[in-house]
C-alpha atoms as a PDB file:
ATOM      1  CA  UNK A   1      36.834  22.379  19.431  1.00  0.00           C
ATOM      2  CA  UNK A   2      33.467  23.093  21.120  1.00  0.00           C
ATOM      3  CA  UNK A   3      31.927  24.179  17.794  1.00  0.00           C
ATOM      4  CA  UNK A   4      33.272  21.024  16.121  1.00  0.00           C
ATOM      5  CA  UNK A   5      31.720  18.824  18.828  1.00  0.00           C
ATOM      6  CA  UNK A   6      28.364  20.569  18.500  1.00  0.00           C
ATOM      7  CA  UNK A   7      28.520  20.120  14.719  1.00  0.00           C
ATOM      8  CA  UNK A   8      29.160  16.367  15.151  1.00  0.00           C
ATOM      9  CA  UNK A   9      26.183  16.073  17.486  1.00  0.00           C
ATOM     10  CA  UNK A  10      23.902  17.748  14.949  1.00  0.00           C
ATOM     11  CA  UNK A  11      25.053  15.360  12.202  1.00  0.00           C
ATOM     12  CA  UNK A  12      24.471  12.374  14.474  1.00  0.00           C
ATOM     13  CA  UNK A  13      20.921  13.506  15.286  1.00  0.00           C
ATOM     14  CA  UNK A  14      20.136  13.937  11.596  1.00  0.00           C
ATOM     15  CA  UNK A  15      21.390  10.441  10.818  1.00  0.00           C
ATOM     16  CA  UNK A  16      19.347   8.914  13.616  1.00  0.00           C
ATOM     17  CA  UNK A  17      16.166  10.676  12.548  1.00  0.00           C
ATOM     18  CA  UNK A  18      16.566   9.409   8.966  1.00  0.00           C
ATOM     19  CA  UNK A  19      16.866   5.764   9.989  1.00  0.00           C
ATOM     20  CA  UNK A  20      14.215   3.249  10.963  1.00  0.00           C
ATOM     21  CA  UNK A  21      16.554   2.212  13.769  1.00  0.00           C
ATOM     22  CA  UNK A  22      16.528   5.696  15.259  1.00  0.00           C
ATOM     23  CA  UNK A  23      15.889   5.773  19.013  1.00  0.00           C
ATOM     24  CA  UNK A  24      12.389   4.231  18.826  1.00  0.00           C
ATOM     25  CA  UNK A  25      12.226   3.200  22.455  1.00  0.00           C
ATOM     26  CA  UNK A  26      12.008   6.805  23.665  1.00  0.00           C
ATOM     27  CA  UNK A  27       8.999   7.730  21.525  1.00  0.00           C
ATOM     28  CA  UNK A  28       5.408   7.999  22.661  1.00  0.00           C
ATOM     29  CA  UNK A  29       3.814   4.582  23.095  1.00  0.00           C
ATOM     30  CA  UNK A  30       0.542   3.574  21.471  1.00  0.00           C
ATOM     31  CA  UNK A  31      -1.629   0.557  22.251  1.00  0.00           C
ATOM     32  CA  UNK A  32      -1.197  -2.744  20.427  1.00  0.00           C
ATOM     33  CA  UNK A  33      -3.947  -3.260  17.871  1.00  0.00           C
ATOM     34  CA  UNK A  34      -7.000  -5.048  19.239  1.00  0.00           C
ATOM     35  CA  UNK A  35      -9.293  -5.651  16.275  1.00  0.00           C
ATOM     36  CA  UNK A  36     -11.262  -8.838  15.801  1.00  0.00           C
ATOM     37  CA  UNK A  37      -9.354 -10.487  12.960  1.00  0.00           C
ATOM     38  CA  UNK A  38     -11.031 -13.886  12.990  1.00  0.00           C
ATOM     39  CA  UNK A  39     -11.883 -15.230   9.553  1.00  0.00           C
ATOM     40  CA  UNK A  40      -9.114 -13.424   7.688  1.00  0.00           C
ATOM     41  CA  UNK A  41      -6.213 -15.150   5.943  1.00  0.00           C
ATOM     42  CA  UNK A  42      -2.679 -14.209   6.980  1.00  0.00           C
ATOM     43  CA  UNK A  43       0.525 -13.628   5.015  1.00  0.00           C
ATOM     44  CA  UNK A  44       4.005 -12.645   6.153  1.00  0.00           C
ATOM     45  CA  UNK A  45       6.378 -10.224   4.431  1.00  0.00           C
ATOM     46  CA  UNK A  46       9.570  -8.300   5.193  1.00  0.00           C
ATOM     47  CA  UNK A  47      11.065  -5.535   3.073  1.00  0.00           C
ATOM     48  CA  UNK A  48      12.890  -3.056   5.216  1.00  0.00           C
ATOM     49  CA  UNK A  49      11.523  -0.934   8.047  1.00  0.00           C
ATOM     50  CA  UNK A  50       8.189  -2.333   9.173  1.00  0.00           C
ATOM     51  CA  UNK A  51       6.776   1.168   9.628  1.00  0.00           C
ATOM     52  CA  UNK A  52       6.869   1.511   5.844  1.00  0.00           C
ATOM     53  CA  UNK A  53       5.720  -2.009   5.002  1.00  0.00           C
ATOM     54  CA  UNK A  54       2.783  -1.896   7.385  1.00  0.00           C
ATOM     55  CA  UNK A  55       1.455   1.358   5.909  1.00  0.00           C
ATOM     56  CA  UNK A  56       1.777   0.064   2.340  1.00  0.00           C
ATOM     57  CA  UNK A  57      -0.196  -3.128   2.930  1.00  0.00           C
ATOM     58  CA  UNK A  58      -2.852  -1.320   4.948  1.00  0.00           C
ATOM     59  CA  UNK A  59      -3.552   0.901   1.934  1.00  0.00           C
ATOM     60  CA  UNK A  60      -4.492  -2.119  -0.216  1.00  0.00           C
ATOM     61  CA  UNK A  61      -8.081  -3.189  -0.919  1.00  0.00           C
ATOM     62  CA  UNK A  62      -8.972  -6.402   0.869  1.00  0.00           C
ATOM     63  CA  UNK A  63      -6.350  -5.962   3.589  1.00  0.00           C
ATOM     64  CA  UNK A  64      -7.977  -5.585   6.984  1.00  0.00           C
ATOM     65  CA  UNK A  65      -4.852  -5.087   9.061  1.00  0.00           C
ATOM     66  CA  UNK A  66      -1.077  -5.306   9.041  1.00  0.00           C
ATOM     67  CA  UNK A  67       0.804  -5.928  12.270  1.00  0.00           C
ATOM     68  CA  UNK A  68       4.465  -5.070  12.740  1.00  0.00           C
ATOM     69  CA  UNK A  69       6.695  -7.731  14.242  1.00  0.00           C
ATOM     70  CA  UNK A  70       9.691 -10.000  13.885  1.00  0.00           C
ATOM     71  CA  UNK A  71      10.257 -13.257  11.988  1.00  0.00           C
ATOM     72  CA  UNK A  72      12.992 -15.448  10.603  1.00  0.00           C
ATOM     73  CA  UNK A  73      15.166 -15.781  13.680  1.00  0.00           C
ATOM     74  CA  UNK A  74      15.592 -18.161  16.577  1.00  0.00           C
ATOM     75  CA  UNK A  75      15.357 -15.760  19.516  1.00  0.00           C
ATOM     76  CA  UNK A  76      12.297 -16.360  21.732  1.00  0.00           C
ATOM     77  CA  UNK A  77      10.189 -13.286  22.549  1.00  0.00           C
ATOM     78  CA  UNK A  78      12.604 -10.922  20.774  1.00  0.00           C
ATOM     79  CA  UNK A  79      12.570  -7.244  21.623  1.00  0.00           C
ATOM     80  CA  UNK A  80      13.179  -4.385  19.237  1.00  0.00           C
ATOM     81  CA  UNK A  81      16.459  -3.637  20.964  1.00  0.00           C
ATOM     82  CA  UNK A  82      17.659  -7.212  20.318  1.00  0.00           C
ATOM     83  CA  UNK A  83      16.476  -7.342  16.707  1.00  0.00           C
ATOM     84  CA  UNK A  84      17.840  -3.915  15.800  1.00  0.00           C
ATOM     85  CA  UNK A  85      21.424  -4.908  16.558  1.00  0.00           C
ATOM     86  CA  UNK A  86      21.253  -7.568  13.834  1.00  0.00           C
ATOM     87  CA  UNK A  87      22.322 -10.496  15.991  1.00  0.00           C
ATOM     88  CA  UNK A  88      19.063 -12.469  16.415  1.00  0.00           C
ATOM     89  CA  UNK A  89      18.490 -13.583  12.821  1.00  0.00           C
ATOM     90  CA  UNK A  90      15.063 -11.942  12.913  1.00  0.00           C
ATOM     91  CA  UNK A  91      13.967  -9.395  10.352  1.00  0.00           C
ATOM     92  CA  UNK A  92      11.391  -6.656  10.791  1.00  0.00           C
ATOM     93  CA  UNK A  93       8.254  -8.166   9.232  1.00  0.00           C
ATOM     94  CA  UNK A  94       4.512  -7.649   8.936  1.00  0.00           C
ATOM     95  CA  UNK A  95       1.620 -10.030   9.490  1.00  0.00           C
ATOM     96  CA  UNK A  96      -0.996  -9.162   6.871  1.00  0.00           C
ATOM     97  CA  UNK A  97      -4.648 -10.014   7.519  1.00  0.00           C
ATOM     98  CA  UNK A  98      -6.589 -10.123   4.252  1.00  0.00           C
ATOM     99  CA  UNK A  99      -9.872 -11.215   2.722  1.00  0.00           C
ATOM    100  CA  UNK A 100      -9.070 -13.680  -0.105  1.00  0.00           C
ATOM    101  CA  UNK A 101     -12.399 -12.831  -1.738  1.00  0.00           C
ATOM    102  CA  UNK A 102     -11.159  -9.274  -2.239  1.00  0.00           C
ATOM    103  CA  UNK A 103      -7.418  -9.698  -2.697  1.00  0.00           C
ATOM    104  CA  UNK A 104      -5.433 -12.804  -3.584  1.00  0.00           C
ATOM    105  CA  UNK A 105      -2.092 -13.934  -2.229  1.00  0.00           C
ATOM    106  CA  UNK A 106      -0.691 -13.403  -5.738  1.00  0.00           C
ATOM    107  CA  UNK A 107      -1.814  -9.763  -5.619  1.00  0.00           C
ATOM    108  CA  UNK A 108      -0.127  -9.375  -2.246  1.00  0.00           C
ATOM    109  CA  UNK A 109       3.060 -10.579  -3.923  1.00  0.00           C
ATOM    110  CA  UNK A 110       2.621  -7.828  -6.518  1.00  0.00           C
ATOM    111  CA  UNK A 111       2.245  -5.327  -3.666  1.00  0.00           C
ATOM    112  CA  UNK A 112       5.353  -6.714  -1.998  1.00  0.00           C
ATOM    113  CA  UNK A 113       7.558  -6.594  -5.072  1.00  0.00           C
ATOM    114  CA  UNK A 114       6.066  -3.331  -6.288  1.00  0.00           C
ATOM    115  CA  UNK A 115       6.904  -1.474  -3.093  1.00  0.00           C
ATOM    116  CA  UNK A 116      10.613  -2.147  -2.540  1.00  0.00           C
ATOM    117  CA  UNK A 117      13.862  -2.964  -4.325  1.00  0.00           C
ATOM    118  CA  UNK A 118      14.031  -6.775  -4.157  1.00  0.00           C
ATOM    119  CA  UNK A 119      17.577  -7.062  -5.474  1.00  0.00           C
ATOM    120  CA  UNK A 120      19.103  -5.184  -2.554  1.00  0.00           C
ATOM    121  CA  UNK A 121      20.813  -7.660  -0.233  1.00  0.00           C
ATOM    122  CA  UNK A 122      20.156  -7.200   3.490  1.00  0.00           C
ATOM    123  CA  UNK A 123      18.359  -3.904   3.560  1.00  0.00           C
ATOM    124  CA  UNK A 124      16.281  -1.172   2.001  1.00  0.00           C
ATOM    125  CA  UNK A 125      17.692   2.344   1.841  1.00  0.00           C
ATOM    126  CA  UNK A 126      18.382   3.959   4.249  1.00  0.00           C
ATOM    127  CA  UNK A 127      18.283   0.875   6.517  1.00  0.00           C
ATOM    128  CA  UNK A 128      20.779  -1.950   6.106  1.00  0.00           C
ATOM    129  CA  UNK A 129      21.488  -5.169   7.968  1.00  0.00           C
ATOM    130  CA  UNK A 130      19.959  -8.635   8.067  1.00  0.00           C
ATOM    131  CA  UNK A 131      17.154  -7.234  10.235  1.00  0.00           C
ATOM    132  CA  UNK A 132      15.952  -5.265   7.184  1.00  0.00           C
ATOM    133  CA  UNK A 133      16.324  -7.992   4.566  1.00  0.00           C
ATOM    134  CA  UNK A 134      13.719  -8.795   1.928  1.00  0.00           C
ATOM    135  CA  UNK A 135      11.870 -11.976   2.902  1.00  0.00           C
ATOM    136  CA  UNK A 136       8.651 -13.906   2.440  1.00  0.00           C
ATOM    137  CA  UNK A 137       7.658 -16.461   5.034  1.00  0.00           C
ATOM    138  CA  UNK A 138       5.317 -19.019   3.502  1.00  0.00           C
ATOM    139  CA  UNK A 139       2.809 -21.108   5.438  1.00  0.00           C
ATOM    140  CA  UNK A 140       2.174 -23.929   2.990  1.00  0.00           C
ATOM    141  CA  UNK A 141       3.368 -25.450  -0.268  1.00  0.00           C
ATOM    142  CA  UNK A 142       0.899 -23.466  -2.363  1.00  0.00           C
ATOM    143  CA  UNK A 143       2.263 -20.153  -1.103  1.00  0.00           C
ATOM    144  CA  UNK A 144       5.819 -21.361  -1.636  1.00  0.00           C
ATOM    145  CA  UNK A 145       5.088 -22.309  -5.255  1.00  0.00           C
ATOM    146  CA  UNK A 146       3.452 -18.942  -5.945  1.00  0.00           C
ATOM    147  CA  UNK A 147       6.422 -17.093  -4.489  1.00  0.00           C
ATOM    148  CA  UNK A 148       8.924 -19.137  -6.482  1.00  0.00           C
ATOM    149  CA  UNK A 149       6.883 -18.610  -9.651  1.00  0.00           C
ATOM    150  CA  UNK A 150       6.803 -14.842  -9.080  1.00  0.00           C
ATOM    151  CA  UNK A 151      10.553 -14.704  -8.466  1.00  0.00           C
ATOM    152  CA  UNK A 152      11.197 -16.717 -11.631  1.00  0.00           C
ATOM    153  CA  UNK A 153       9.076 -14.298 -13.672  1.00  0.00           C
ATOM    154  CA  UNK A 154      10.834 -11.277 -12.221  1.00  0.00           C
ATOM    155  CA  UNK A 155      14.286 -12.736 -12.824  1.00  0.00           C
ATOM    156  CA  UNK A 156      13.349 -13.497 -16.427  1.00  0.00           C
ATOM    157  CA  UNK A 157      11.657 -10.150 -17.052  1.00  0.00           C
ATOM    158  CA  UNK A 158      14.866  -8.177 -17.511  1.00  0.00           C
ATOM    159  CA  UNK A 159      13.532  -5.522 -15.161  1.00  0.00           C
ATOM    160  CA  UNK A 160      16.437  -5.942 -12.752  1.00  0.00           C
ATOM    161  CA  UNK A 161      20.188  -5.995 -13.299  1.00  0.00           C
ATOM    162  CA  UNK A 162      20.714  -8.414 -10.404  1.00  0.00           C
ATOM    163  CA  UNK A 163      18.836 -11.515  -9.266  1.00  0.00           C
ATOM    164  CA  UNK A 164      15.989 -11.226  -6.763  1.00  0.00           C
ATOM    165  CA  UNK A 165      17.491 -11.313  -3.262  1.00  0.00           C
ATOM    166  CA  UNK A 166      14.303 -12.160  -1.360  1.00  0.00           C
ATOM    167  CA  UNK A 167      14.698 -14.888   1.232  1.00  0.00           C
ATOM    168  CA  UNK A 168      11.949 -17.518   0.879  1.00  0.00           C
ATOM    169  CA  UNK A 169      11.521 -19.508   4.080  1.00  0.00           C
ATOM    170  CA  UNK A 170       8.819 -21.363   5.989  1.00  0.00           C
ATOM    171  CA  UNK A 171       7.166 -19.390   8.767  1.00  0.00           C
ATOM    172  CA  UNK A 172       8.204 -20.754  12.132  1.00  0.00           C
ATOM    173  CA  UNK A 173       6.948 -18.011  14.426  1.00  0.00           C
ATOM    174  CA  UNK A 174       5.839 -14.407  14.126  1.00  0.00           C
ATOM    175  CA  UNK A 175       6.427 -12.230  17.158  1.00  0.00           C
ATOM    176  CA  UNK A 176       4.328  -9.069  17.453  1.00  0.00           C
ATOM    177  CA  UNK A 177       6.445  -5.947  17.937  1.00  0.00           C
ATOM    178  CA  UNK A 178       6.060  -3.534  20.816  1.00  0.00           C
ATOM    179  CA  UNK A 179       2.920  -1.397  20.884  1.00  0.00           C
ATOM    180  CA  UNK A 180       4.604   1.835  19.858  1.00  0.00           C
ATOM    181  CA  UNK A 181       5.556   0.294  16.499  1.00  0.00           C
ATOM    182  CA  UNK A 182       1.954  -0.444  15.522  1.00  0.00           C
ATOM    183  CA  UNK A 183       0.453   2.091  13.073  1.00  0.00           C
ATOM    184  CA  UNK A 184       3.607   4.116  13.603  1.00  0.00           C
ATOM    185  CA  UNK A 185       3.371   6.069  10.362  1.00  0.00           C
ATOM    186  CA  UNK A 186      -0.258   6.966  11.046  1.00  0.00           C
ATOM    187  CA  UNK A 187       0.371   7.912  14.684  1.00  0.00           C
ATOM    188  CA  UNK A 188       3.582   9.876  14.068  1.00  0.00           C
ATOM    189  CA  UNK A 189       3.005  11.845  10.842  1.00  0.00           C
ATOM    190  CA  UNK A 190       5.634  14.486  11.601  1.00  0.00           C
ATOM    191  CA  UNK A 191       8.432  12.173  12.715  1.00  0.00           C
ATOM    192  CA  UNK A 192      11.447  12.870  10.432  1.00  0.00           C
ATOM    193  CA  UNK A 193      11.875   9.283   9.216  1.00  0.00           C
ATOM    194  CA  UNK A 194       8.159   9.047   8.448  1.00  0.00           C
ATOM    195  CA  UNK A 195       8.226  12.312   6.490  1.00  0.00           C
ATOM    196  CA  UNK A 196      11.440  11.589   4.597  1.00  0.00           C
ATOM    197  CA  UNK A 197      11.259   7.825   4.009  1.00  0.00           C
ATOM    198  CA  UNK A 198       7.956   6.164   4.912  1.00  0.00           C
ATOM    199  CA  UNK A 199       5.543   8.595   3.283  1.00  0.00           C
ATOM    200  CA  UNK A 200       7.521   8.947   0.017  1.00  0.00           C
ATOM    201  CA  UNK A 201       7.774   5.146  -0.230  1.00  0.00           C
ATOM    202  CA  UNK A 202       4.025   4.797   0.344  1.00  0.00           C
ATOM    203  CA  UNK A 203       3.177   7.513  -2.183  1.00  0.00           C
ATOM    204  CA  UNK A 204       5.470   5.936  -4.776  1.00  0.00           C
ATOM    205  CA  UNK A 205       3.673   2.608  -4.410  1.00  0.00           C
ATOM    206  CA  UNK A 206       0.236   4.247  -4.517  1.00  0.00           C
ATOM    207  CA  UNK A 207       1.131   6.112  -7.681  1.00  0.00           C
ATOM    208  CA  UNK A 208       2.291   2.888  -9.304  1.00  0.00           C
ATOM    209  CA  UNK A 209      -0.745   0.764  -8.406  1.00  0.00           C
ATOM    210  CA  UNK A 210      -3.801   3.037  -7.919  1.00  0.00           C
ATOM    211  CA  UNK A 211      -6.127   0.188  -8.889  1.00  0.00           C
ATOM    212  CA  UNK A 212      -5.089  -1.797  -5.817  1.00  0.00           C
ATOM    213  CA  UNK A 213      -5.860   0.913  -3.275  1.00  0.00           C
ATOM    214  CA  UNK A 214      -8.709   1.366  -0.856  1.00  0.00           C
ATOM    215  CA  UNK A 215     -10.790   4.405  -1.779  1.00  0.00           C
ATOM    216  CA  UNK A 216      -9.649   6.184   1.380  1.00  0.00           C
ATOM    217  CA  UNK A 217      -5.953   5.682   0.468  1.00  0.00           C
ATOM    218  CA  UNK A 218      -5.846   8.147  -2.440  1.00  0.00           C
END
């Protein structure tokens, strides 16, 4: 019985380490980003664990910064603990600061759709739940039209067996996540989830779109 219990504990630890919702709150904290981001345009995307999404957008030419946070829900000042239980309506999202003279919003849409499975409802493997749903939060009518046009093209392309599941909604409020989530992949290169999920997802995107990458991202 003791050996069985120990075996169950080992399995549980493996599962936690392979999930974006693994016990984040106990990990080493890092300061919230403090760059001067005045003058940059902003865009808001969600496609699974924000550790992964943040690293992908930060590898793209013209993107100055990506900040991990929460969007799409009604909870005021949400915490990770609240969002991770799937009851707030928020999804893990990123706020992307970009230079429109170097990268367009349309190109950011290509990055978004080229770096996750947009037909998966409420999640990206291995993370599932409304807090990991695919979503784009537009700020104006022009962004909304570009998103709808992109989705229409993808649905008509025959590339996917199911319709695009991305939620398209107006941005109401973006809440910055706790400091230890910022640059998590960069600051925790040997964390199991980073090694087994985040880095492979980033490398897959980089291999697919090398022309979109910063020179230092190769």
